[in-house]
Amino acid sequence: MVNVSAVRGSRLGSVSLGETDYGERAPRFFVSYWCLNGHEVRPSFSAAAVDEDIPDEWECPKCGFPAGQDPANPPAPSRVEPYKTHLAYVKERRSDVEAREILDEALHALRSRRGRK
């Protein structure tokens, strides 16, 4: 007979009841990174990771600045380009004359469609 109280409240994909051994955990080590604001971040890496697998910089989860492994010389934040609207991108690609021609073509097409209705 199934113990209903043991099943109630569990969800699909949950861990089996009474299972305590999940196997051996892979050996890991921590690397410290510091950002410009002095925050320390300590992500863990697999002990099997080679030095090439460990990044030189890590993003600080507290402030979003890049963090480096040298606490005395943290990396400077990269210059962030200001947000551009769609219109700003269009103006980079088109001159005022081209924009006027495209607008005139679109208005002509719209007016000819409305005139038929």
Protein backbone atom coordinates (compact mmCIF):
# COMPACT_ATOMS: atom_id res chain seq x y z
CA MET A 1 0.00 0.00 0.00
CA VAL A 2 1.27 3.51 -0.90
CA ASN A 3 1.73 6.01 1.89
CA VAL A 4 -0.41 8.88 0.56
CA SER A 5 0.88 11.44 3.05
CA ALA A 6 4.43 10.91 1.74
CA VAL A 7 3.34 11.64 -1.83
CA ARG A 8 1.13 14.62 -1.05
CA GLY A 9 2.93 17.91 -1.50
CA SER A 10 5.65 16.52 -3.73
CA ARG A 11 5.94 17.74 -7.28
CA LEU A 12 6.97 16.25 -10.56
CA GLY A 13 10.74 16.06 -10.87
CA SER A 14 11.36 16.44 -7.17
CA VAL A 15 14.00 14.39 -5.38
CA SER A 16 13.07 10.92 -4.25
CA LEU A 17 12.09 10.73 -0.61
CA GLY A 18 14.79 9.25 1.58
CA GLU A 19 17.52 9.58 -1.03
CA THR A 20 20.45 11.25 0.69
CA ASP A 21 23.45 10.23 -1.40
CA TYR A 22 23.72 12.09 -4.69
CA GLY A 23 27.18 10.86 -5.57
CA GLU A 24 30.53 12.57 -5.26
CA ARG A 25 30.77 16.27 -5.81
CA ALA A 26 33.38 17.36 -8.35
CA PRO A 27 36.39 19.09 -6.79
CA ARG A 28 36.15 22.86 -7.15
CA PHE A 29 38.16 25.95 -6.28
CA PHE A 30 37.27 29.63 -5.91
CA VAL A 31 38.83 32.63 -7.64
CA SER A 32 38.47 36.12 -6.17
CA TYR A 33 37.64 39.08 -8.40
CA TRP A 34 37.35 42.75 -7.32
CA CYS A 35 35.47 45.55 -9.03
CA LEU A 36 36.08 49.30 -8.97
CA ASN A 37 33.65 49.67 -6.03
CA GLY A 38 35.64 47.18 -3.92
CA HIS A 39 33.11 44.34 -4.13
CA GLU A 40 34.61 40.85 -4.06
CA VAL A 41 33.11 38.13 -6.22
CA ARG A 42 34.15 34.50 -5.70
CA PRO A 43 32.87 32.21 -8.46
CA SER A 44 33.84 28.56 -8.29
CA PHE A 45 35.50 26.60 -11.06
CA SER A 46 36.14 22.94 -11.66
CA ALA A 47 39.50 21.72 -10.40
CA ALA A 48 39.95 20.18 -13.84
CA ALA A 49 39.80 23.65 -15.40
CA VAL A 50 43.01 24.78 -17.00
CA ASP A 51 44.25 28.35 -16.49
CA GLU A 52 42.97 29.23 -19.97
CA ASP A 53 39.43 28.31 -18.88
CA ILE A 54 39.40 30.88 -16.08
CA PRO A 55 38.40 34.35 -17.34
CA ASP A 56 40.51 37.41 -16.60
CA GLU A 57 37.39 39.44 -15.79
CA TRP A 58 34.07 38.65 -14.15
CA GLU A 59 30.97 40.83 -13.94
CA CYS A 60 30.20 42.05 -10.42
CA PRO A 61 26.65 40.97 -9.51
CA LYS A 62 26.24 43.92 -7.10
CA CYS A 63 27.07 46.85 -9.40
CA GLY A 64 27.56 45.36 -12.87
CA PHE A 65 31.12 46.69 -13.25
CA PRO A 66 33.84 44.38 -14.54
CA ALA A 67 35.93 42.76 -11.81
CA GLY A 68 39.56 41.62 -12.08
CA GLN A 69 41.82 39.36 -10.05
CA ASP A 70 44.07 42.21 -8.84
CA PRO A 71 42.34 44.04 -5.95
CA ALA A 72 44.70 47.01 -6.27
CA ASN A 73 43.99 47.51 -9.98
CA PRO A 74 40.39 46.59 -10.85
CA PRO A 75 39.41 47.04 -14.50
CA ALA A 76 37.71 50.25 -15.51
CA PRO A 77 34.13 50.03 -16.69
CA SER A 78 33.75 49.99 -20.44
CA ARG A 79 32.28 53.04 -22.11
CA VAL A 80 28.61 52.40 -22.67
CA GLU A 81 27.13 53.83 -25.82
CA PRO A 82 24.00 55.88 -25.14
CA TYR A 83 20.68 54.36 -26.12
CA LYS A 84 19.70 55.14 -29.69
CA THR A 85 16.16 55.19 -30.93
CA HIS A 86 15.09 53.56 -34.16
CA LEU A 87 14.85 57.01 -35.70
CA ALA A 88 18.47 57.76 -34.78
CA TYR A 89 19.63 54.61 -36.59
CA VAL A 90 17.51 55.51 -39.64
CA LYS A 91 18.99 59.02 -39.71
CA GLU A 92 22.48 57.49 -39.77
CA ARG A 93 21.60 55.49 -42.89
CA ARG A 94 19.49 58.04 -44.81
CA SER A 95 19.97 61.65 -45.78
CA ASP A 96 17.12 64.16 -45.43
CA VAL A 97 16.59 64.08 -49.20
CA GLU A 98 16.32 60.26 -49.24
CA ALA A 99 13.95 60.34 -46.28
CA ARG A 100 11.70 62.87 -48.03
CA GLU A 101 11.61 60.70 -51.20
CA ILE A 102 10.68 57.58 -49.23
CA LEU A 103 7.99 59.47 -47.31
CA ASP A 104 6.52 60.90 -50.53
CA GLU A 105 6.41 57.41 -52.10
CA ALA A 106 4.67 55.97 -49.04
CA LEU A 107 2.14 58.80 -48.91
CA HIS A 108 1.42 58.44 -52.62
CA ALA A 109 0.83 54.69 -52.22
CA LEU A 110 -1.41 55.25 -49.19
CA ARG A 111 -3.48 57.95 -50.88
CA SER A 112 -3.92 55.86 -54.04
CA ARG A 113 -5.21 52.90 -51.97
CA ARG A 114 -7.66 55.11 -50.05
CA GLY A 115 -8.85 56.71 -53.27
CA ARG A 116 -9.90 53.30 -54.63
CA LYS A 117 -12.03 52.46 -51.60
